[in-house]
Amino acid sequence: MTGLEHSDAPAAGRSRGARIGRGILIGVAAVCIAAQSALLASAGWAVAHPRAVTDTVTVWQYDATPAISGYATRAAMSERGRFLFYASVPEIVPGDAFDALCSRDEPDIGVLGCYTLADGRIYLYDITNPDLDAFEVVVAAHEMLHAAWDRLSPEQQSALTEPLEEAFAAVGPDSELVERIASYEEFDPTSRIPELYAIVGTELTDLPPELDEHYAQFFDDRQTVVALWKQVEAIFVELEAELDRLSSELDRLAAEIDAEQAAAEQTAAVLEADIAAFNARASRPGGYTSQSAFERDRQSLIVRQTALTAAIDATNAKVDEYNALVDEFTALNEQAAALDKDLNIDPQRLETSE
């Protein structure tokens, strides 16, 4: 045994190598044991959070198109927001194919996107009008927030209800949003808070602090998507304002034209009777005893006739102005109808009166 202790150098070298080797093996074994512990812990977490695991696998497998990734970028989605967007496998769907997936069969309602609770998918209507391309981004962000809401616990959802209602109340009773939310509720009474969650997060500038903090999970800068919404909203606000202006102007002109035509008809009738009386007097022997009296009455009738003609010409000019405004109003209505079509809105069909 002693001789082994004083073995030659090569033997000692082999001994050191063996010890180093065993140390490496022990180290690797320790790492393996730690890894197994991590896997066991991960497996336990995965069992407790199956949705998160499914989302992760889905995002790994999802290959976003340039258009889809562009929506996420232009909406300033955060890493978390983009993750939830991609986890919903968003797809841009054209026309009739989209209607089969999402649309509500109601006139004057345009559905541009939906998040399907059954399979957690996002479908986006293909808006082809380049003037409305910002709307596509807003809709994508809106639907992403539906995906986010779907992943909140009931307790988290309940905690957000009061600040969401506070933000909604701040818009005022005359806001278009009031009518929109009522439409959602009429279609599905349970949709009020989820829709407010998606709308408030993408359309309202000023929010209660707790909501701003909450939405910061999903947007690097939420005001980016709000600005896009304001850009789209302005198109329709300006168009509606111009239609309202033209409508008011047409109503004003129509009332003036009707009043002036009625007055002209009454004036013409009186003038016609006075001319007939003048002619009868002038043709009767002794009707006028002096040339000056005749000329005075004749000149008076001529002045009245000239004034009536001028009034009729002014009214006719208003008729021309009215007709020009009708053409302008019709063109704007056609523009509005085209925008409705671009936004998947089936306009209300008015029944003809019997």
Protein backbone atom coordinates (compact mmCIF):
# COMPACT_ATOMS: atom_id res chain seq x y z
CA MET A 1 0.00 0.00 0.00
CA THR A 2 2.86 2.35 0.88
CA GLY A 3 4.49 1.83 -2.44
CA LEU A 4 1.27 2.91 -4.07
CA GLU A 5 1.41 6.09 -2.17
CA HIS A 6 4.80 6.84 -3.70
CA SER A 7 4.04 5.75 -7.16
CA ASP A 8 5.73 7.30 -10.16
CA ALA A 9 4.66 10.63 -11.67
CA PRO A 10 2.54 9.25 -14.45
CA ALA A 11 0.52 7.26 -11.95
CA ALA A 12 0.08 10.35 -9.79
CA GLY A 13 -1.00 12.24 -12.87
CA ARG A 14 -3.61 9.68 -13.64
CA SER A 15 -4.84 9.94 -10.07
CA ARG A 16 -5.24 13.70 -10.30
CA GLY A 17 -7.03 13.28 -13.58
CA ALA A 18 -9.41 10.77 -12.04
CA ARG A 19 -10.18 13.08 -9.17
CA ILE A 20 -10.79 15.99 -11.54
CA GLY A 21 -12.95 13.76 -13.65
CA ARG A 22 -15.03 12.69 -10.69
CA GLY A 23 -15.41 16.32 -9.68
CA ILE A 24 -16.77 17.17 -13.14
CA LEU A 25 -19.15 14.25 -13.03
CA ILE A 26 -20.40 15.30 -9.62
CA GLY A 27 -20.86 18.83 -10.88
CA VAL A 28 -22.83 17.65 -13.92
CA ALA A 29 -24.93 15.42 -11.73
CA ALA A 30 -25.73 18.37 -9.48
CA VAL A 31 -26.80 20.42 -12.49
CA CYS A 32 -28.98 17.57 -13.70
CA ILE A 33 -30.62 17.27 -10.30
CA ALA A 34 -31.23 21.03 -10.24
CA ALA A 35 -32.63 20.91 -13.76
CA GLN A 36 -34.94 18.09 -12.81
CA SER A 37 -36.13 20.13 -9.83
CA ALA A 38 -36.76 23.10 -12.13
CA LEU A 39 -38.66 20.90 -14.55
CA LEU A 40 -40.77 19.53 -11.73
CA ALA A 41 -41.49 23.06 -10.53
CA SER A 42 -42.21 24.15 -14.10
CA ALA A 43 -44.50 21.21 -14.59
CA GLY A 44 -46.40 22.20 -11.47
CA TRP A 45 -46.68 25.80 -12.72
CA ALA A 46 -47.80 24.56 -16.13
CA VAL A 47 -50.54 22.47 -14.56
CA ALA A 48 -51.68 25.52 -12.62
CA HIS A 49 -51.42 27.84 -15.67
CA PRO A 50 -52.40 25.82 -18.75
CA ARG A 51 -53.52 28.93 -20.68
CA ALA A 52 -50.10 30.55 -20.35
CA VAL A 53 -48.42 27.37 -21.60
CA THR A 54 -50.78 27.17 -24.56
CA ASP A 55 -50.19 30.86 -25.33
CA THR A 56 -46.43 30.39 -25.26
CA VAL A 57 -46.53 27.41 -27.59
CA THR A 58 -48.93 29.24 -29.91
CA VAL A 59 -46.70 32.31 -30.10
CA TRP A 60 -43.66 30.12 -30.82
CA GLN A 61 -45.51 28.54 -33.73
CA TYR A 62 -47.21 31.69 -35.03
CA ASP A 63 -45.59 33.40 -38.02
CA ALA A 64 -46.91 36.96 -38.12
CA THR A 65 -47.39 38.51 -41.54
CA PRO A 66 -45.87 41.95 -42.16
CA ALA A 67 -49.35 43.47 -41.92
CA ILE A 68 -50.04 41.85 -38.54
CA SER A 69 -46.67 42.75 -37.07
CA GLY A 70 -47.14 46.24 -38.50
CA TYR A 71 -50.39 46.61 -36.55
CA ALA A 72 -48.61 45.67 -33.33
CA THR A 73 -45.79 48.12 -34.01
CA ARG A 74 -48.02 51.03 -35.06
CA ALA A 75 -50.25 50.50 -32.01
CA ALA A 76 -47.13 50.68 -29.78
CA MET A 77 -47.99 47.34 -28.23
CA SER A 78 -45.62 46.31 -25.46
CA GLU A 79 -43.93 42.93 -25.45
CA ARG A 80 -46.84 41.62 -23.39
CA GLY A 81 -49.42 43.18 -25.69
CA ARG A 82 -47.75 41.77 -28.78
CA PHE A 83 -47.54 38.37 -27.08
CA LEU A 84 -51.28 38.31 -26.39
CA PHE A 85 -52.00 39.57 -29.90
CA TYR A 86 -49.94 36.78 -31.47
CA ALA A 87 -51.28 34.21 -28.99
CA SER A 88 -54.70 34.91 -30.50
CA VAL A 89 -53.41 33.96 -33.97
CA PRO A 90 -54.74 37.17 -35.58
CA GLU A 91 -55.86 36.87 -39.16
CA ILE A 92 -56.93 39.52 -41.66
CA VAL A 93 -60.01 38.22 -43.44
CA PRO A 94 -61.66 39.75 -46.53
CA GLY A 95 -65.33 40.47 -47.15
CA ASP A 96 -67.84 37.65 -46.97
CA ALA A 97 -65.41 35.27 -45.32
CA PHE A 98 -65.10 37.71 -42.42
CA ASP A 99 -68.86 38.09 -42.10
CA ALA A 100 -69.19 34.35 -41.61
CA LEU A 101 -66.79 34.55 -38.67
CA CYS A 102 -67.71 37.77 -36.92
CA SER A 103 -70.49 39.96 -38.22
CA ARG A 104 -73.78 40.83 -36.61
CA ASP A 105 -76.61 40.72 -39.14
CA GLU A 106 -77.95 44.18 -38.33
CA PRO A 107 -78.27 47.28 -40.53
CA ASP A 108 -76.06 50.26 -39.70
CA ILE A 109 -73.70 48.07 -37.64
CA GLY A 110 -70.19 47.56 -38.97
CA VAL A 111 -68.09 44.84 -37.37
CA LEU A 112 -64.38 45.24 -38.10
CA GLY A 113 -62.91 42.67 -35.76
CA CYS A 114 -63.78 40.06 -33.20
CA TYR A 115 -62.20 37.95 -30.51
CA THR A 116 -63.81 34.53 -30.36
CA LEU A 117 -64.10 33.24 -26.81
CA ALA A 118 -64.52 29.65 -27.95
CA ASP A 119 -61.04 29.35 -29.43
CA GLY A 120 -59.34 32.62 -28.46
CA ARG A 121 -58.85 33.81 -32.03
CA ILE A 122 -58.70 37.35 -33.41
CA TYR A 123 -60.20 38.03 -36.83
CA LEU A 124 -59.74 41.43 -38.47
CA TYR A 125 -61.77 42.81 -41.37
CA ASP A 126 -59.65 43.74 -44.37
CA ILE A 127 -60.20 47.49 -44.74
CA THR A 128 -59.01 48.33 -48.24
CA ASN A 129 -59.52 52.11 -48.15
CA PRO A 130 -56.05 53.62 -47.58
CA ASP A 131 -57.61 56.65 -45.87
CA LEU A 132 -58.79 54.30 -43.12
CA ASP A 133 -55.63 52.27 -42.60
CA ALA A 134 -55.22 53.73 -39.08
CA PHE A 135 -58.56 52.16 -38.20
CA GLU A 136 -57.11 48.69 -38.80
CA VAL A 137 -54.45 49.38 -36.17
CA VAL A 138 -57.02 50.57 -33.63
CA VAL A 139 -59.21 47.52 -34.23
CA ALA A 140 -56.21 45.22 -33.80
CA ALA A 141 -55.35 46.89 -30.46
CA HIS A 142 -59.01 46.73 -29.41
CA GLU A 143 -59.17 42.99 -30.04
CA MET A 144 -55.82 42.46 -28.30
CA LEU A 145 -57.37 43.99 -25.20
CA HIS A 146 -60.25 41.54 -25.47
CA ALA A 147 -57.63 38.79 -25.38
CA ALA A 148 -56.09 40.45 -22.32
CA TRP A 149 -59.48 40.68 -20.59
CA ASP A 150 -60.12 37.01 -21.30
CA ARG A 151 -56.98 36.15 -19.35
CA LEU A 152 -57.78 38.25 -16.28
CA SER A 153 -59.12 36.52 -13.20
CA PRO A 154 -62.69 37.30 -12.09
CA GLU A 155 -61.21 39.28 -9.18
CA GLN A 156 -59.07 41.36 -11.53
CA GLN A 157 -62.02 42.00 -13.82
CA SER A 158 -64.20 43.04 -10.90
CA ALA A 159 -61.54 45.46 -9.63
CA LEU A 160 -61.47 47.20 -13.04
CA THR A 161 -65.24 47.67 -13.32
CA GLU A 162 -65.52 50.85 -11.22
CA PRO A 163 -62.65 52.76 -12.90
CA LEU A 164 -63.95 51.70 -16.33
CA GLU A 165 -67.39 53.08 -15.48
CA GLU A 166 -65.73 56.25 -14.16
CA ALA A 167 -63.85 56.72 -17.44
CA PHE A 168 -67.03 56.08 -19.43
CA ALA A 169 -69.07 58.56 -17.36
CA ALA A 170 -66.46 61.25 -18.07
CA VAL A 171 -67.20 61.23 -21.82
CA GLY A 172 -70.63 62.77 -21.19
CA PRO A 173 -74.14 61.78 -22.30
CA ASP A 174 -73.84 63.28 -25.79
CA SER A 175 -70.86 61.17 -26.79
CA GLU A 176 -71.22 58.74 -29.68
CA LEU A 177 -69.76 56.15 -27.33
CA VAL A 178 -72.95 56.14 -25.25
CA GLU A 179 -74.97 54.95 -28.24
CA ARG A 180 -72.28 52.45 -29.19
CA ILE A 181 -72.19 50.86 -25.74
CA ALA A 182 -76.00 50.71 -25.73
CA SER A 183 -75.84 48.84 -29.04
CA TYR A 184 -73.37 46.34 -27.58
CA GLU A 185 -75.59 45.80 -24.54
CA GLU A 186 -78.69 45.36 -26.67
CA PHE A 187 -76.92 42.64 -28.62
CA ASP A 188 -75.33 41.04 -25.53
CA PRO A 189 -76.17 42.39 -22.04
CA THR A 190 -72.96 40.88 -20.60
CA SER A 191 -70.72 42.74 -23.05
CA ARG A 192 -70.78 46.19 -21.40
CA ILE A 193 -67.65 45.96 -19.23
CA PRO A 194 -65.50 43.87 -21.64
CA GLU A 195 -66.31 46.32 -24.45
CA LEU A 196 -65.63 49.31 -22.23
CA TYR A 197 -62.28 47.72 -21.34
CA ALA A 198 -61.27 47.47 -25.01
CA ILE A 199 -62.70 50.85 -26.03
CA VAL A 200 -61.45 52.87 -23.07
CA GLY A 201 -57.94 51.50 -23.54
CA THR A 202 -57.73 52.46 -27.21
CA GLU A 203 -59.91 55.57 -27.59
CA LEU A 204 -59.86 57.74 -24.46
CA THR A 205 -57.00 60.09 -23.72
CA ASP A 206 -57.49 60.79 -20.01
CA LEU A 207 -58.06 57.87 -17.67
CA PRO A 208 -58.05 57.24 -13.92
CA PRO A 209 -54.49 56.48 -12.76
CA GLU A 210 -55.22 52.82 -12.00
CA LEU A 211 -56.39 52.27 -15.56
CA ASP A 212 -53.37 54.03 -17.06
CA GLU A 213 -51.14 51.81 -14.93
CA HIS A 214 -53.06 48.70 -15.95
CA TYR A 215 -52.97 49.41 -19.69
CA ALA A 216 -49.23 50.15 -19.48
CA GLN A 217 -48.76 46.36 -19.41
CA PHE A 218 -49.98 46.17 -22.99
CA PHE A 219 -48.72 49.40 -24.60
CA ASP A 220 -45.35 51.09 -24.56
CA ASP A 221 -47.24 54.32 -25.23
CA ARG A 222 -51.03 54.00 -25.15
CA GLN A 223 -51.45 57.52 -26.50
CA THR A 224 -50.08 56.28 -29.84
CA VAL A 225 -53.13 54.15 -30.54
CA VAL A 226 -55.44 56.81 -29.08
CA ALA A 227 -53.97 59.32 -31.55
CA LEU A 228 -54.73 56.91 -34.40
CA TRP A 229 -58.29 56.61 -33.17
CA LYS A 230 -58.62 60.42 -33.05
CA GLN A 231 -57.29 60.56 -36.61
CA VAL A 232 -59.95 58.14 -37.82
CA GLU A 233 -62.67 59.72 -35.71
CA ALA A 234 -61.90 63.13 -37.23
CA ILE A 235 -62.76 61.82 -40.71
CA PHE A 236 -66.27 60.95 -39.62
CA VAL A 237 -66.75 63.93 -37.31
CA GLU A 238 -65.80 66.34 -40.11
CA LEU A 239 -67.97 64.52 -42.64
CA GLU A 240 -70.95 64.49 -40.29
CA ALA A 241 -70.43 68.15 -39.42
CA GLU A 242 -70.39 69.08 -43.11
CA LEU A 243 -73.51 67.02 -43.76
CA ASP A 244 -75.23 68.70 -40.81
CA ARG A 245 -74.16 72.13 -42.10
CA LEU A 246 -75.45 71.41 -45.58
CA SER A 247 -78.67 69.98 -44.20
CA SER A 248 -79.26 73.08 -42.08
CA GLU A 249 -78.47 75.33 -45.03
CA LEU A 250 -80.85 73.38 -47.26
CA ASP A 251 -83.59 73.61 -44.63
CA ARG A 252 -83.03 77.37 -44.33
CA LEU A 253 -83.08 77.92 -48.09
CA ALA A 254 -86.12 75.69 -48.55
CA ALA A 255 -88.04 77.67 -45.92
CA GLU A 256 -87.01 81.00 -47.50
CA ILE A 257 -87.87 79.80 -51.00
CA ASP A 258 -91.29 78.53 -49.89
CA ALA A 259 -92.05 81.80 -48.09
CA GLU A 260 -90.83 83.95 -50.99
CA GLN A 261 -92.74 81.91 -53.55
CA ALA A 262 -95.91 82.19 -51.49
CA ALA A 263 -95.40 85.95 -51.11
CA ALA A 264 -94.67 86.33 -54.83
CA GLU A 265 -97.81 84.43 -55.76
CA GLN A 266 -99.88 86.64 -53.47
CA THR A 267 -98.23 89.81 -54.78
CA ALA A 268 -98.68 88.65 -58.37
CA ALA A 269 -102.36 87.97 -57.80
CA VAL A 270 -102.94 91.44 -56.34
CA LEU A 271 -100.85 93.05 -59.10
CA GLU A 272 -102.71 91.11 -61.78
CA ALA A 273 -106.06 92.34 -60.38
CA ASP A 274 -104.78 95.93 -60.20
CA ILE A 275 -103.51 95.78 -63.80
CA ALA A 276 -106.86 94.43 -64.96
CA ALA A 277 -108.62 97.27 -63.13
CA PHE A 278 -106.22 99.83 -64.62
CA ASN A 279 -106.77 98.47 -68.14
CA ALA A 280 -110.52 98.48 -67.67
CA ARG A 281 -110.47 102.08 -66.43
CA ALA A 282 -108.12 103.18 -69.21
CA SER A 283 -110.31 101.61 -71.91
CA ARG A 284 -113.51 103.15 -70.56
CA PRO A 285 -114.41 106.59 -71.96
CA GLY A 286 -113.84 109.15 -69.24
CA GLY A 287 -112.00 106.63 -67.11
CA TYR A 288 -109.08 108.99 -66.79
CA THR A 289 -109.76 112.67 -67.01
CA SER A 290 -106.08 113.61 -67.21
CA GLN A 291 -102.97 112.22 -68.81
CA SER A 292 -100.98 112.79 -65.63
CA ALA A 293 -103.33 110.58 -63.58
CA PHE A 294 -103.09 107.86 -66.21
CA GLU A 295 -99.27 108.04 -66.30
CA ARG A 296 -99.06 108.07 -62.48
CA ASP A 297 -101.10 104.86 -62.12
CA ARG A 298 -99.37 103.22 -65.05
CA GLN A 299 -95.90 104.01 -63.63
CA SER A 300 -96.92 102.70 -60.22
CA LEU A 301 -97.93 99.37 -61.75
CA ILE A 302 -94.67 99.21 -63.71
CA VAL A 303 -92.63 99.77 -60.52
CA ARG A 304 -94.58 97.05 -58.72
CA GLN A 305 -94.14 94.67 -61.64
CA THR A 306 -90.40 95.40 -61.78
CA ALA A 307 -90.08 94.76 -58.03
CA LEU A 308 -92.00 91.50 -58.34
CA THR A 309 -89.76 90.38 -61.21
CA ALA A 310 -86.66 91.22 -59.16
CA ALA A 311 -88.04 89.27 -56.18
CA ILE A 312 -88.79 86.28 -58.38
CA ASP A 313 -85.28 86.46 -59.88
CA ALA A 314 -83.79 86.52 -56.35
CA THR A 315 -85.89 83.52 -55.36
CA ASN A 316 -84.85 81.68 -58.51
CA ALA A 317 -81.20 82.40 -57.61
CA LYS A 318 -81.86 80.76 -54.24
CA VAL A 319 -83.39 77.79 -56.05
CA ASP A 320 -80.18 77.49 -58.08
CA GLU A 321 -78.14 77.73 -54.85
CA TYR A 322 -80.41 75.11 -53.26
CA ASN A 323 -79.96 72.74 -56.19
CA ALA A 324 -76.18 73.17 -56.08
CA LEU A 325 -76.19 72.37 -52.37
CA VAL A 326 -78.36 69.32 -53.04
CA ASP A 327 -75.70 68.09 -55.47
CA GLU A 328 -72.99 68.71 -52.86
CA PHE A 329 -75.05 67.01 -50.17
CA THR A 330 -75.69 64.03 -52.45
CA ALA A 331 -71.98 63.70 -53.21
CA LEU A 332 -71.13 63.75 -49.51
CA ASN A 333 -73.82 61.18 -48.81
CA GLU A 334 -72.30 58.98 -51.48
CA GLN A 335 -68.91 59.46 -49.85
CA ALA A 336 -70.41 58.49 -46.50
CA ALA A 337 -72.04 55.45 -48.08
CA ALA A 338 -68.70 54.43 -49.58
CA LEU A 339 -67.05 54.75 -46.16
CA ASP A 340 -69.84 52.65 -44.67
CA LYS A 341 -69.15 49.98 -47.25
CA ASP A 342 -65.41 50.15 -46.54
CA LEU A 343 -66.23 49.64 -42.85
CA ASN A 344 -68.49 46.63 -43.45
CA ILE A 345 -71.67 48.55 -42.63
CA ASP A 346 -74.92 47.47 -44.23
CA PRO A 347 -76.95 50.70 -44.39
CA GLN A 348 -80.53 50.78 -43.16
CA ARG A 349 -82.87 50.17 -46.07
CA LEU A 350 -85.75 52.67 -45.99
CA GLU A 351 -89.07 51.31 -47.12
CA THR A 352 -90.84 53.36 -49.78
CA SER A 353 -94.11 54.94 -48.66
CA GLU A 354 -97.28 53.66 -50.23
